[in-house]
PDB file of N, CA and C in Angstrom:
ATOM      1  N   MET A   1     -13.986 -24.079  10.398  1.00  0.00           N
ATOM      2  CA  MET A   1     -15.201 -24.541  10.812  1.00  0.00           C
ATOM      3  C   MET A   1     -15.134 -26.171  10.462  1.00  0.00           C
ATOM      4  N   LEU A   2     -14.783 -26.388   8.994  1.00  0.00           N
ATOM      5  CA  LEU A   2     -14.984 -27.852   8.557  1.00  0.00           C
ATOM      6  C   LEU A   2     -13.920 -28.691   9.361  1.00  0.00           C
ATOM      7  N   LEU A   3     -12.708 -28.067   9.705  1.00  0.00           N
ATOM      8  CA  LEU A   3     -11.782 -28.899  10.425  1.00  0.00           C
ATOM      9  C   LEU A   3     -12.373 -29.299  11.910  1.00  0.00           C
ATOM     10  N   ARG A   4     -12.884 -28.293  12.486  1.00  0.00           N
ATOM     11  CA  ARG A   4     -13.494 -28.587  13.842  1.00  0.00           C
ATOM     12  C   ARG A   4     -14.552 -29.677  13.507  1.00  0.00           C
ATOM     13  N   VAL A   5     -15.456 -29.586  12.640  1.00  0.00           N
ATOM     14  CA  VAL A   5     -16.552 -30.571  12.497  1.00  0.00           C
ATOM     15  C   VAL A   5     -16.060 -31.786  12.300  1.00  0.00           C
ATOM     16  N   TYR A   6     -14.931 -31.851  11.375  1.00  0.00           N
ATOM     17  CA  TYR A   6     -14.318 -33.088  11.069  1.00  0.00           C
ATOM     18  C   TYR A   6     -13.883 -33.770  12.225  1.00  0.00           C
ATOM     19  N   LEU A   7     -13.021 -33.180  12.997  1.00  0.00           N
ATOM     20  CA  LEU A   7     -12.353 -33.547  14.367  1.00  0.00           C
ATOM     21  C   LEU A   7     -13.374 -34.071  15.372  1.00  0.00           C
ATOM     22  N   GLU A   8     -14.541 -33.405  15.529  1.00  0.00           N
ATOM     23  CA  GLU A   8     -15.348 -33.576  16.635  1.00  0.00           C
ATOM     24  C   GLU A   8     -16.563 -34.572  16.155  1.00  0.00           C
ATOM     25  N   GLN A   9     -16.934 -34.563  14.952  1.00  0.00           N
ATOM     26  CA  GLN A   9     -18.003 -35.338  14.214  1.00  0.00           C
ATOM     27  C   GLN A   9     -19.149 -35.079  15.063  1.00  0.00           C
ATOM     28  N   HIS A  10     -19.462 -33.674  15.221  1.00  0.00           N
ATOM     29  CA  HIS A  10     -20.701 -33.330  15.897  1.00  0.00           C
ATOM     30  C   HIS A  10     -21.333 -32.179  15.186  1.00  0.00           C
ATOM     31  N   PHE A  11     -22.619 -32.260  14.853  1.00  0.00           N
ATOM     32  CA  PHE A  11     -23.396 -31.158  14.404  1.00  0.00           C
ATOM     33  C   PHE A  11     -24.757 -31.473  14.363  1.00  0.00           C
ATOM     34  N   PRO A  12     -25.701 -30.404  14.506  1.00  0.00           N
ATOM     35  CA  PRO A  12     -27.076 -30.641  14.694  1.00  0.00           C
ATOM     36  C   PRO A  12     -27.673 -31.124  13.377  1.00  0.00           C
ATOM     37  N   ALA A  13     -28.690 -31.912  13.402  1.00  0.00           N
ATOM     38  CA  ALA A  13     -29.354 -32.395  12.259  1.00  0.00           C
ATOM     39  C   ALA A  13     -30.398 -31.475  11.879  1.00  0.00           C
ATOM     40  N   GLY A  14     -31.036 -30.652  12.871  1.00  0.00           N
ATOM     41  CA  GLY A  14     -32.018 -29.742  12.626  1.00  0.00           C
ATOM     42  C   GLY A  14     -31.725 -28.368  12.791  1.00  0.00           C
ATOM     43  N   ALA A  15     -32.785 -27.545  12.576  1.00  0.00           N
ATOM     44  CA  ALA A  15     -32.523 -26.137  12.692  1.00  0.00           C
ATOM     45  C   ALA A  15     -32.141 -25.616  14.183  1.00  0.00           C
ATOM     46  N   VAL A  16     -31.128 -24.736  14.438  1.00  0.00           N
ATOM     47  CA  VAL A  16     -30.692 -24.264  15.660  1.00  0.00           C
ATOM     48  C   VAL A  16     -30.923 -22.725  15.704  1.00  0.00           C
ATOM     49  N   ARG A  17     -31.516 -22.363  16.920  1.00  0.00           N
ATOM     50  CA  ARG A  17     -31.814 -20.958  17.202  1.00  0.00           C
ATOM     51  C   ARG A  17     -31.225 -20.644  18.452  1.00  0.00           C
ATOM     52  N   PHE A  18     -30.590 -19.462  18.674  1.00  0.00           N
ATOM     53  CA  PHE A  18     -30.253 -18.982  19.987  1.00  0.00           C
ATOM     54  C   PHE A  18     -31.657 -18.565  20.701  1.00  0.00           C
ATOM     55  N   SER A  19     -31.804 -19.257  21.973  1.00  0.00           N
ATOM     56  CA  SER A  19     -32.962 -19.003  22.772  1.00  0.00           C
ATOM     57  C   SER A  19     -32.519 -18.138  23.948  1.00  0.00           C
ATOM     58  N   PHE A  20     -31.273 -17.888  24.345  1.00  0.00           N
ATOM     59  CA  PHE A  20     -30.997 -17.215  25.528  1.00  0.00           C
ATOM     60  C   PHE A  20     -30.090 -16.055  25.319  1.00  0.00           C
ATOM     61  N   CYS A  21     -30.084 -14.984  26.037  1.00  0.00           N
ATOM     62  CA  CYS A  21     -29.292 -13.889  25.893  1.00  0.00           C
ATOM     63  C   CYS A  21     -27.817 -14.333  26.412  1.00  0.00           C
ATOM     64  N   PRO A  22     -26.795 -14.140  25.559  1.00  0.00           N
ATOM     65  CA  PRO A  22     -25.454 -14.523  25.976  1.00  0.00           C
ATOM     66  C   PRO A  22     -24.813 -13.647  27.090  1.00  0.00           C
ATOM     67  N   ILE A  23     -25.572 -12.426  27.311  1.00  0.00           N
ATOM     68  CA  ILE A  23     -25.103 -11.593  28.518  1.00  0.00           C
ATOM     69  C   ILE A  23     -25.815 -11.886  29.751  1.00  0.00           C
ATOM     70  N   CYS A  24     -27.010 -12.124  29.826  1.00  0.00           N
ATOM     71  CA  CYS A  24     -27.827 -12.327  31.016  1.00  0.00           C
ATOM     72  C   CYS A  24     -28.457 -13.586  31.281  1.00  0.00           C
ATOM     73  N   ALA A  25     -28.584 -14.483  30.087  1.00  0.00           N
ATOM     74  CA  ALA A  25     -29.272 -15.773  30.007  1.00  0.00           C
ATOM     75  C   ALA A  25     -30.693 -15.542  30.084  1.00  0.00           C
ATOM     76  N   ALA A  26     -31.409 -14.431  29.856  1.00  0.00           N
ATOM     77  CA  ALA A  26     -32.768 -14.261  29.868  1.00  0.00           C
ATOM     78  C   ALA A  26     -33.292 -14.724  28.486  1.00  0.00           C
ATOM     79  N   VAL A  27     -34.545 -15.177  28.386  1.00  0.00           N
ATOM     80  CA  VAL A  27     -35.104 -15.686  27.100  1.00  0.00           C
ATOM     81  C   VAL A  27     -35.142 -14.625  26.044  1.00  0.00           C
ATOM     82  N   LEU A  28     -34.736 -14.879  24.711  1.00  0.00           N
ATOM     83  CA  LEU A  28     -34.706 -13.944  23.730  1.00  0.00           C
ATOM     84  C   LEU A  28     -36.001 -14.005  23.020  1.00  0.00           C
ATOM     85  N   SER A  29     -36.541 -12.926  22.525  1.00  0.00           N
ATOM     86  CA  SER A  29     -37.765 -12.769  21.883  1.00  0.00           C
ATOM     87  C   SER A  29     -37.487 -12.027  20.457  1.00  0.00           C
ATOM     88  N   ASN A  30     -38.299 -12.132  19.325  1.00  0.00           N
ATOM     89  CA  ASN A  30     -38.268 -11.582  18.156  1.00  0.00           C
ATOM     90  C   ASN A  30     -38.701 -10.009  18.450  1.00  0.00           C
ATOM     91  N   VAL A  31     -37.927  -9.182  17.905  1.00  0.00           N
ATOM     92  CA  VAL A  31     -38.228  -7.710  17.975  1.00  0.00           C
ATOM     93  C   VAL A  31     -37.967  -7.075  16.636  1.00  0.00           C
ATOM     94  N   PRO A  32     -38.594  -5.936  16.355  1.00  0.00           N
ATOM     95  CA  PRO A  32     -38.209  -5.169  15.151  1.00  0.00           C
ATOM     96  C   PRO A  32     -36.663  -4.793  15.122  1.00  0.00           C
ATOM     97  N   HIS A  33     -35.991  -5.022  14.019  1.00  0.00           N
ATOM     98  CA  HIS A  33     -34.656  -4.618  13.971  1.00  0.00           C
ATOM     99  C   HIS A  33     -34.341  -3.211  13.908  1.00  0.00           C
ATOM    100  N   ALA A  34     -33.799  -2.514  14.544  1.00  0.00           N
ATOM    101  CA  ALA A  34     -33.652  -1.073  14.376  1.00  0.00           C
ATOM    102  C   ALA A  34     -32.353  -0.380  13.886  1.00  0.00           C
ATOM    103  N   VAL A  35     -31.508  -1.327  13.219  1.00  0.00           N
ATOM    104  CA  VAL A  35     -30.328  -1.069  12.959  1.00  0.00           C
ATOM    105  C   VAL A  35     -30.318  -0.586  11.283  1.00  0.00           C
ATOM    106  N   GLY A  36     -31.254  -0.885  10.587  1.00  0.00           N
ATOM    107  CA  GLY A  36     -31.518  -0.470   9.252  1.00  0.00           C
ATOM    108  C   GLY A  36     -31.166  -1.777   8.372  1.00  0.00           C
ATOM    109  N   ASP A  37     -30.911  -3.021   8.900  1.00  0.00           N
ATOM    110  CA  ASP A  37     -30.674  -4.111   8.218  1.00  0.00           C
ATOM    111  C   ASP A  37     -31.775  -5.244   8.419  1.00  0.00           C
ATOM    112  N   ALA A  38     -33.010  -4.719   8.462  1.00  0.00           N
ATOM    113  CA  ALA A  38     -34.142  -5.578   8.706  1.00  0.00           C
ATOM    114  C   ALA A  38     -34.298  -6.662   7.658  1.00  0.00           C
ATOM    115  N   GLY A  39     -33.839  -6.468   6.448  1.00  0.00           N
ATOM    116  CA  GLY A  39     -33.908  -7.449   5.490  1.00  0.00           C
ATOM    117  C   GLY A  39     -33.138  -8.634   5.490  1.00  0.00           C
ATOM    118  N   TRP A  40     -32.105  -8.446   6.296  1.00  0.00           N
ATOM    119  CA  TRP A  40     -31.018  -9.644   6.162  1.00  0.00           C
ATOM    120  C   TRP A  40     -30.894 -10.201   7.409  1.00  0.00           C
ATOM    121  N   ALA A  41     -31.474  -9.541   8.675  1.00  0.00           N
ATOM    122  CA  ALA A  41     -31.202 -10.158  10.061  1.00  0.00           C
ATOM    123  C   ALA A  41     -32.640 -10.041  10.833  1.00  0.00           C
ATOM    124  N   LEU A  42     -32.649 -10.985  11.726  1.00  0.00           N
ATOM    125  CA  LEU A  42     -33.843 -10.945  12.603  1.00  0.00           C
ATOM    126  C   LEU A  42     -33.502 -10.249  14.058  1.00  0.00           C
ATOM    127  N   GLY A  43     -34.310  -9.214  14.323  1.00  0.00           N
ATOM    128  CA  GLY A  43     -33.961  -8.613  15.643  1.00  0.00           C
ATOM    129  C   GLY A  43     -34.358  -9.555  16.682  1.00  0.00           C
ATOM    130  N   ARG A  44     -33.542  -9.738  17.754  1.00  0.00           N
ATOM    131  CA  ARG A  44     -33.818 -10.418  18.986  1.00  0.00           C
ATOM    132  C   ARG A  44     -33.458  -9.511  20.225  1.00  0.00           C
ATOM    133  N   ALA A  45     -34.062  -9.684  21.391  1.00  0.00           N
ATOM    134  CA  ALA A  45     -33.866  -8.960  22.543  1.00  0.00           C
ATOM    135  C   ALA A  45     -34.367  -9.860  23.724  1.00  0.00           C
ATOM    136  N   CYS A  46     -33.855  -9.458  24.917  1.00  0.00           N
ATOM    137  CA  CYS A  46     -34.131 -10.159  26.052  1.00  0.00           C
ATOM    138  C   CYS A  46     -35.055  -9.044  26.961  1.00  0.00           C
ATOM    139  N   PRO A  47     -35.655  -9.450  27.968  1.00  0.00           N
ATOM    140  CA  PRO A  47     -36.334  -8.369  28.777  1.00  0.00           C
ATOM    141  C   PRO A  47     -35.409  -7.232  29.397  1.00  0.00           C
ATOM    142  N   ASP A  48     -34.122  -7.655  29.638  1.00  0.00           N
ATOM    143  CA  ASP A  48     -33.243  -6.604  30.095  1.00  0.00           C
ATOM    144  C   ASP A  48     -32.809  -5.663  29.127  1.00  0.00           C
ATOM    145  N   GLY A  49     -33.150  -5.748  27.977  1.00  0.00           N
ATOM    146  CA  GLY A  49     -33.025  -4.749  26.893  1.00  0.00           C
ATOM    147  C   GLY A  49     -31.596  -4.999  26.046  1.00  0.00           C
ATOM    148  N   HIS A  50     -31.110  -6.253  26.140  1.00  0.00           N
ATOM    149  CA  HIS A  50     -29.854  -6.492  25.357  1.00  0.00           C
ATOM    150  C   HIS A  50     -30.422  -6.911  23.950  1.00  0.00           C
ATOM    151  N   ARG A  51     -30.078  -6.174  22.945  1.00  0.00           N
ATOM    152  CA  ARG A  51     -30.460  -6.332  21.651  1.00  0.00           C
ATOM    153  C   ARG A  51     -29.457  -7.119  20.604  1.00  0.00           C
ATOM    154  N   TRP A  52     -29.935  -7.999  19.808  1.00  0.00           N
ATOM    155  CA  TRP A  52     -28.995  -8.702  18.968  1.00  0.00           C
ATOM    156  C   TRP A  52     -29.606  -8.734  17.646  1.00  0.00           C
ATOM    157  N   ALA A  53     -28.799  -9.079  16.584  1.00  0.00           N
ATOM    158  CA  ALA A  53     -29.187  -9.436  15.191  1.00  0.00           C
ATOM    159  C   ALA A  53     -28.744 -10.790  15.077  1.00  0.00           C
ATOM    160  N   GLU A  54     -29.845 -11.552  14.504  1.00  0.00           N
ATOM    161  CA  GLU A  54     -29.453 -13.117  14.218  1.00  0.00           C
ATOM    162  C   GLU A  54     -29.628 -13.376  12.762  1.00  0.00           C
ATOM    163  N   ARG A  55     -28.502 -13.871  12.250  1.00  0.00           N
ATOM    164  CA  ARG A  55     -28.509 -14.357  10.761  1.00  0.00           C
ATOM    165  C   ARG A  55     -27.353 -15.458  10.813  1.00  0.00           C
ATOM    166  N   ASN A  56     -27.528 -16.593  10.822  1.00  0.00           N
ATOM    167  CA  ASN A  56     -26.361 -17.720  10.899  1.00  0.00           C
ATOM    168  C   ASN A  56     -25.568 -17.447  12.118  1.00  0.00           C
ATOM    169  N   GLY A  57     -25.894 -16.828  13.136  1.00  0.00           N
ATOM    170  CA  GLY A  57     -25.484 -16.432  14.361  1.00  0.00           C
ATOM    171  C   GLY A  57     -26.013 -15.296  15.027  1.00  0.00           C
ATOM    172  N   LEU A  58     -25.369 -14.965  16.151  1.00  0.00           N
ATOM    173  CA  LEU A  58     -25.969 -13.884  16.839  1.00  0.00           C
ATOM    174  C   LEU A  58     -25.032 -12.725  16.971  1.00  0.00           C
ATOM    175  N   GLY A  59     -25.309 -11.524  16.562  1.00  0.00           N
ATOM    176  CA  GLY A  59     -24.156 -10.521  16.760  1.00  0.00           C
ATOM    177  C   GLY A  59     -24.778  -9.234  17.274  1.00  0.00           C
ATOM    178  N   ARG A  60     -23.782  -8.327  17.852  1.00  0.00           N
ATOM    179  CA  ARG A  60     -23.996  -6.900  18.166  1.00  0.00           C
ATOM    180  C   ARG A  60     -22.922  -6.274  18.430  1.00  0.00           C
ATOM    181  N   MET A  61     -22.962  -4.845  18.636  1.00  0.00           N
ATOM    182  CA  MET A  61     -21.981  -4.039  18.586  1.00  0.00           C
ATOM    183  C   MET A  61     -21.579  -3.751  20.155  1.00  0.00           C
ATOM    184  N   PHE A  62     -20.288  -3.822  20.431  1.00  0.00           N
ATOM    185  CA  PHE A  62     -19.840  -3.392  21.769  1.00  0.00           C
ATOM    186  C   PHE A  62     -18.677  -2.251  21.464  1.00  0.00           C
ATOM    187  N   GLY A  63     -19.070  -1.086  21.868  1.00  0.00           N
ATOM    188  CA  GLY A  63     -17.964  -0.047  21.917  1.00  0.00           C
ATOM    189  C   GLY A  63     -17.383  -0.049  20.589  1.00  0.00           C
ATOM    190  N   GLY A  64     -17.937  -0.027  19.433  1.00  0.00           N
ATOM    191  CA  GLY A  64     -17.608   0.134  18.169  1.00  0.00           C
ATOM    192  C   GLY A  64     -17.033  -1.142  17.472  1.00  0.00           C
ATOM    193  N   MET A  65     -16.999  -2.156  18.271  1.00  0.00           N
ATOM    194  CA  MET A  65     -16.417  -3.536  17.761  1.00  0.00           C
ATOM    195  C   MET A  65     -17.571  -4.445  17.676  1.00  0.00           C
ATOM    196  N   HIS A  66     -17.626  -5.488  16.611  1.00  0.00           N
ATOM    197  CA  HIS A  66     -18.739  -6.371  16.296  1.00  0.00           C
ATOM    198  C   HIS A  66     -18.354  -7.573  17.175  1.00  0.00           C
ATOM    199  N   PHE A  67     -19.153  -8.042  17.876  1.00  0.00           N
ATOM    200  CA  PHE A  67     -19.202  -9.570  18.716  1.00  0.00           C
ATOM    201  C   PHE A  67     -20.249 -10.486  18.048  1.00  0.00           C
ATOM    202  N   SER A  68     -19.681 -11.525  17.634  1.00  0.00           N
ATOM    203  CA  SER A  68     -20.394 -12.509  16.947  1.00  0.00           C
ATOM    204  C   SER A  68     -20.305 -13.953  17.528  1.00  0.00           C
ATOM    205  N   LEU A  69     -21.544 -14.573  17.722  1.00  0.00           N
ATOM    206  CA  LEU A  69     -21.538 -15.879  18.098  1.00  0.00           C
ATOM    207  C   LEU A  69     -22.113 -16.792  16.936  1.00  0.00           C
ATOM    208  N   GLN A  70     -21.387 -17.804  16.609  1.00  0.00           N
ATOM    209  CA  GLN A  70     -22.022 -18.510  15.480  1.00  0.00           C
ATOM    210  C   GLN A  70     -22.530 -19.901  16.017  1.00  0.00           C
ATOM    211  N   ARG A  71     -23.511 -20.286  15.333  1.00  0.00           N
ATOM    212  CA  ARG A  71     -24.184 -21.739  15.716  1.00  0.00           C
ATOM    213  C   ARG A  71     -23.288 -22.790  15.103  1.00  0.00           C
ATOM    214  N   GLU A  72     -23.686 -23.959  15.636  1.00  0.00           N
ATOM    215  CA  GLU A  72     -23.135 -25.146  14.964  1.00  0.00           C
ATOM    216  C   GLU A  72     -23.712 -25.311  13.442  1.00  0.00           C
ATOM    217  N   PRO A  73     -22.677 -25.636  12.561  1.00  0.00           N
ATOM    218  CA  PRO A  73     -23.300 -25.906  11.120  1.00  0.00           C
ATOM    219  C   PRO A  73     -24.162 -27.021  11.131  1.00  0.00           C
ATOM    220  N   LEU A  74     -25.231 -27.045  10.200  1.00  0.00           N
ATOM    221  CA  LEU A  74     -26.057 -28.106  10.095  1.00  0.00           C
ATOM    222  C   LEU A  74     -25.507 -29.054   9.224  1.00  0.00           C
ATOM    223  N   GLU A  75     -26.034 -30.382   9.369  1.00  0.00           N
ATOM    224  CA  GLU A  75     -25.417 -31.455   8.455  1.00  0.00           C
ATOM    225  C   GLU A  75     -25.465 -31.063   7.027  1.00  0.00           C
ATOM    226  N   SER A  76     -26.808 -30.604   6.605  1.00  0.00           N
ATOM    227  CA  SER A  76     -26.762 -30.222   5.338  1.00  0.00           C
ATOM    228  C   SER A  76     -25.871 -29.177   4.644  1.00  0.00           C
ATOM    229  N   GLU A  77     -25.389 -28.219   5.694  1.00  0.00           N
ATOM    230  CA  GLU A  77     -24.576 -27.112   5.334  1.00  0.00           C
ATOM    231  C   GLU A  77     -23.045 -27.719   5.136  1.00  0.00           C
ATOM    232  N   VAL A  78     -22.850 -28.616   5.884  1.00  0.00           N
ATOM    233  CA  VAL A  78     -21.390 -29.321   5.873  1.00  0.00           C
ATOM    234  C   VAL A  78     -21.241 -30.012   4.564  1.00  0.00           C
ATOM    235  N   LYS A  79     -22.372 -30.792   4.236  1.00  0.00           N
ATOM    236  CA  LYS A  79     -22.357 -31.425   2.987  1.00  0.00           C
ATOM    237  C   LYS A  79     -22.108 -30.522   1.903  1.00  0.00           C
ATOM    238  N   ARG A  80     -22.992 -29.322   1.836  1.00  0.00           N
ATOM    239  CA  ARG A  80     -22.938 -28.456   0.700  1.00  0.00           C
ATOM    240  C   ARG A  80     -21.508 -27.889   0.636  1.00  0.00           C
ATOM    241  N   VAL A  81     -20.951 -27.526   1.671  1.00  0.00           N
ATOM    242  CA  VAL A  81     -19.538 -26.791   1.847  1.00  0.00           C
ATOM    243  C   VAL A  81     -18.599 -27.862   1.248  1.00  0.00           C
ATOM    244  N   VAL A  82     -18.470 -29.148   1.658  1.00  0.00           N
ATOM    245  CA  VAL A  82     -17.697 -30.073   1.250  1.00  0.00           C
ATOM    246  C   VAL A  82     -17.878 -30.279  -0.302  1.00  0.00           C
ATOM    247  N   ALA A  83     -18.888 -30.339  -0.736  1.00  0.00           N
ATOM    248  CA  ALA A  83     -19.254 -30.747  -2.165  1.00  0.00           C
ATOM    249  C   ALA A  83     -18.623 -29.571  -3.004  1.00  0.00           C
ATOM    250  N   PHE A  84     -18.917 -28.284  -2.467  1.00  0.00           N
ATOM    251  CA  PHE A  84     -18.380 -27.247  -3.254  1.00  0.00           C
ATOM    252  C   PHE A  84     -16.993 -27.236  -3.357  1.00  0.00           C
ATOM    253  N   TRP A  85     -16.175 -27.390  -2.399  1.00  0.00           N
ATOM    254  CA  TRP A  85     -14.642 -27.420  -2.384  1.00  0.00           C
ATOM    255  C   TRP A  85     -14.232 -28.661  -3.227  1.00  0.00           C
ATOM    256  N   LEU A  86     -14.773 -29.674  -3.121  1.00  0.00           N
ATOM    257  CA  LEU A  86     -14.327 -30.881  -4.055  1.00  0.00           C
ATOM    258  C   LEU A  86     -14.882 -30.903  -5.302  1.00  0.00           C
ATOM    259  N   ASP A  87     -15.969 -30.361  -5.474  1.00  0.00           N
ATOM    260  CA  ASP A  87     -16.558 -30.671  -6.912  1.00  0.00           C
ATOM    261  C   ASP A  87     -17.009 -29.226  -7.356  1.00  0.00           C
ATOM    262  N   GLY A  88     -16.622 -28.158  -6.805  1.00  0.00           N
ATOM    263  CA  GLY A  88     -17.121 -26.848  -7.173  1.00  0.00           C
ATOM    264  C   GLY A  88     -16.462 -26.415  -8.650  1.00  0.00           C
ATOM    265  N   ASP A  89     -16.635 -25.112  -8.867  1.00  0.00           N
ATOM    266  CA  ASP A  89     -16.086 -24.686 -10.247  1.00  0.00           C
ATOM    267  C   ASP A  89     -14.571 -24.652 -10.227  1.00  0.00           C
ATOM    268  N   TYR A  90     -14.037 -24.414 -11.389  1.00  0.00           N
ATOM    269  CA  TYR A  90     -12.648 -24.544 -11.584  1.00  0.00           C
ATOM    270  C   TYR A  90     -11.930 -23.591 -10.554  1.00  0.00           C
ATOM    271  N   GLU A  91     -12.311 -22.345 -10.414  1.00  0.00           N
ATOM    272  CA  GLU A  91     -11.615 -21.503  -9.675  1.00  0.00           C
ATOM    273  C   GLU A  91     -11.548 -21.834  -8.132  1.00  0.00           C
ATOM    274  N   ALA A  92     -12.461 -22.421  -7.597  1.00  0.00           N
ATOM    275  CA  ALA A  92     -12.661 -23.111  -6.211  1.00  0.00           C
ATOM    276  C   ALA A  92     -11.643 -24.377  -6.165  1.00  0.00           C
ATOM    277  N   ARG A  93     -11.634 -25.104  -6.995  1.00  0.00           N
ATOM    278  CA  ARG A  93     -10.721 -26.346  -7.051  1.00  0.00           C
ATOM    279  C   ARG A  93      -9.228 -25.774  -6.971  1.00  0.00           C
ATOM    280  N   ILE A  94      -8.819 -24.870  -7.867  1.00  0.00           N
ATOM    281  CA  ILE A  94      -7.486 -24.579  -7.872  1.00  0.00           C
ATOM    282  C   ILE A  94      -6.973 -23.803  -6.659  1.00  0.00           C
ATOM    283  N   ARG A  95      -7.978 -23.149  -6.021  1.00  0.00           N
ATOM    284  CA  ARG A  95      -7.634 -22.445  -4.771  1.00  0.00           C
ATOM    285  C   ARG A  95      -7.567 -23.371  -3.619  1.00  0.00           C
ATOM    286  N   LEU A  96      -7.919 -24.676  -3.591  1.00  0.00           N
ATOM    287  CA  LEU A  96      -7.885 -25.570  -2.464  1.00  0.00           C
ATOM    288  C   LEU A  96      -6.507 -26.234  -2.444  1.00  0.00           C
ATOM    289  N   HIS A  97      -5.741 -26.039  -1.458  1.00  0.00           N
ATOM    290  CA  HIS A  97      -4.484 -26.697  -1.394  1.00  0.00           C
ATOM    291  C   HIS A  97      -4.665 -28.159  -1.419  1.00  0.00           C
ATOM    292  N   HIS A  98      -3.713 -29.074  -2.012  1.00  0.00           N
ATOM    293  CA  HIS A  98      -3.874 -30.436  -2.091  1.00  0.00           C
ATOM    294  C   HIS A  98      -4.086 -31.132  -0.844  1.00  0.00           C
ATOM    295  N   SER A  99      -3.363 -30.607   0.219  1.00  0.00           N
ATOM    296  CA  SER A  99      -3.378 -31.413   1.569  1.00  0.00           C
ATOM    297  C   SER A  99      -4.860 -31.170   2.263  1.00  0.00           C
ATOM    298  N   VAL A 100      -5.392 -30.033   1.825  1.00  0.00           N
ATOM    299  CA  VAL A 100      -6.705 -29.835   2.408  1.00  0.00           C
ATOM    300  C   VAL A 100      -7.692 -30.565   1.608  1.00  0.00           C
ATOM    301  N   ARG A 101      -7.472 -30.649   0.434  1.00  0.00           N
ATOM    302  CA  ARG A 101      -8.454 -31.610  -0.514  1.00  0.00           C
ATOM    303  C   ARG A 101      -8.370 -32.871  -0.088  1.00  0.00           C
ATOM    304  N   ASP A 102      -7.046 -33.513   0.174  1.00  0.00           N
ATOM    305  CA  ASP A 102      -7.134 -35.000   0.725  1.00  0.00           C
ATOM    306  C   ASP A 102      -7.797 -35.084   1.919  1.00  0.00           C
ATOM    307  N   VAL A 103      -7.747 -34.197   2.990  1.00  0.00           N
ATOM    308  CA  VAL A 103      -8.566 -34.360   4.253  1.00  0.00           C
ATOM    309  C   VAL A 103     -10.011 -34.306   3.936  1.00  0.00           C
ATOM    310  N   LEU A 104     -10.463 -33.303   3.011  1.00  0.00           N
ATOM    311  CA  LEU A 104     -11.969 -33.350   2.721  1.00  0.00           C
ATOM    312  C   LEU A 104     -12.473 -34.420   2.035  1.00  0.00           C
ATOM    313  N   ALA A 105     -11.680 -35.050   1.115  1.00  0.00           N
ATOM    314  CA  ALA A 105     -11.993 -36.301   0.512  1.00  0.00           C
ATOM    315  C   ALA A 105     -12.096 -37.438   1.518  1.00  0.00           C
ATOM    316  N   GLU A 106     -11.396 -37.349   2.597  1.00  0.00           N
ATOM    317  CA  GLU A 106     -11.585 -38.463   3.646  1.00  0.00           C
ATOM    318  C   GLU A 106     -12.889 -38.230   4.468  1.00  0.00           C
ATOM    319  N   PHE A 107     -13.365 -36.833   4.293  1.00  0.00           N
ATOM    320  CA  PHE A 107     -14.518 -36.464   5.282  1.00  0.00           C
ATOM    321  C   PHE A 107     -15.667 -37.539   5.022  1.00  0.00           C
ATOM    322  N   PRO A 108     -16.408 -37.960   6.179  1.00  0.00           N
ATOM    323  CA  PRO A 108     -17.402 -38.858   6.031  1.00  0.00           C
ATOM    324  C   PRO A 108     -18.531 -38.445   5.017  1.00  0.00           C
ATOM    325  N   PHE A 109     -18.689 -37.078   4.912  1.00  0.00           N
ATOM    326  CA  PHE A 109     -19.750 -36.620   4.023  1.00  0.00           C
ATOM    327  C   PHE A 109     -19.383 -36.414   2.598  1.00  0.00           C
ATOM    328  N   ALA A 110     -17.984 -36.667   2.380  1.00  0.00           N
ATOM    329  CA  ALA A 110     -17.699 -36.362   0.968  1.00  0.00           C
ATOM    330  C   ALA A 110     -18.219 -37.435   0.070  1.00  0.00           C
ATOM    331  N   ARG A 111     -18.427 -38.806   0.407  1.00  0.00           N
ATOM    332  CA  ARG A 111     -19.142 -39.610  -0.466  1.00  0.00           C
ATOM    333  C   ARG A 111     -20.597 -39.300  -0.588  1.00  0.00           C
ATOM    334  N   LEU A 112     -21.216 -38.665   0.448  1.00  0.00           N
ATOM    335  CA  LEU A 112     -22.511 -38.336   0.441  1.00  0.00           C
ATOM    336  C   LEU A 112     -22.750 -37.089  -0.490  1.00  0.00           C
ATOM    337  N   ALA A 113     -21.660 -36.176  -0.351  1.00  0.00           N
ATOM    338  CA  ALA A 113     -21.717 -35.090  -1.229  1.00  0.00           C
ATOM    339  C   ALA A 113     -21.526 -35.302  -2.690  1.00  0.00           C
ATOM    340  N   GLY A 114     -21.083 -36.472  -3.198  1.00  0.00           N
ATOM    341  CA  GLY A 114     -20.858 -36.630  -4.437  1.00  0.00           C
ATOM    342  C   GLY A 114     -19.468 -36.667  -4.934  1.00  0.00           C
ATOM    343  N   ALA A 115     -18.403 -36.394  -3.926  1.00  0.00           N
ATOM    344  CA  ALA A 115     -16.937 -36.291  -4.076  1.00  0.00           C
ATOM    345  C   ALA A 115     -16.452 -37.643  -4.603  1.00  0.00           C
TER     346      ALA A 115
END
């Protein structure tokens, strides 16, 4: 994800939500989540009955397999992730390959994240 953001230099500055059903393009609305994970996901559905769970993306089960769409990361999230990998705890720093560290250090947000 960070590599794509770095290469494209594109990310939304504000909150992003899925507004339309990926299956039929109808408008999604909030509904009670029926799968038992109402504490961690928002239930979404379209008028055609396609139900989704939304939390940092939109997901649903298809024939026993999970299908997930991820939203673009926010600017604040990218800054937080870059700062974690560059300035995080010792365990995070030693797991980051030096070549990846060099790329992240050149990331425009590295200076803003305190790297």
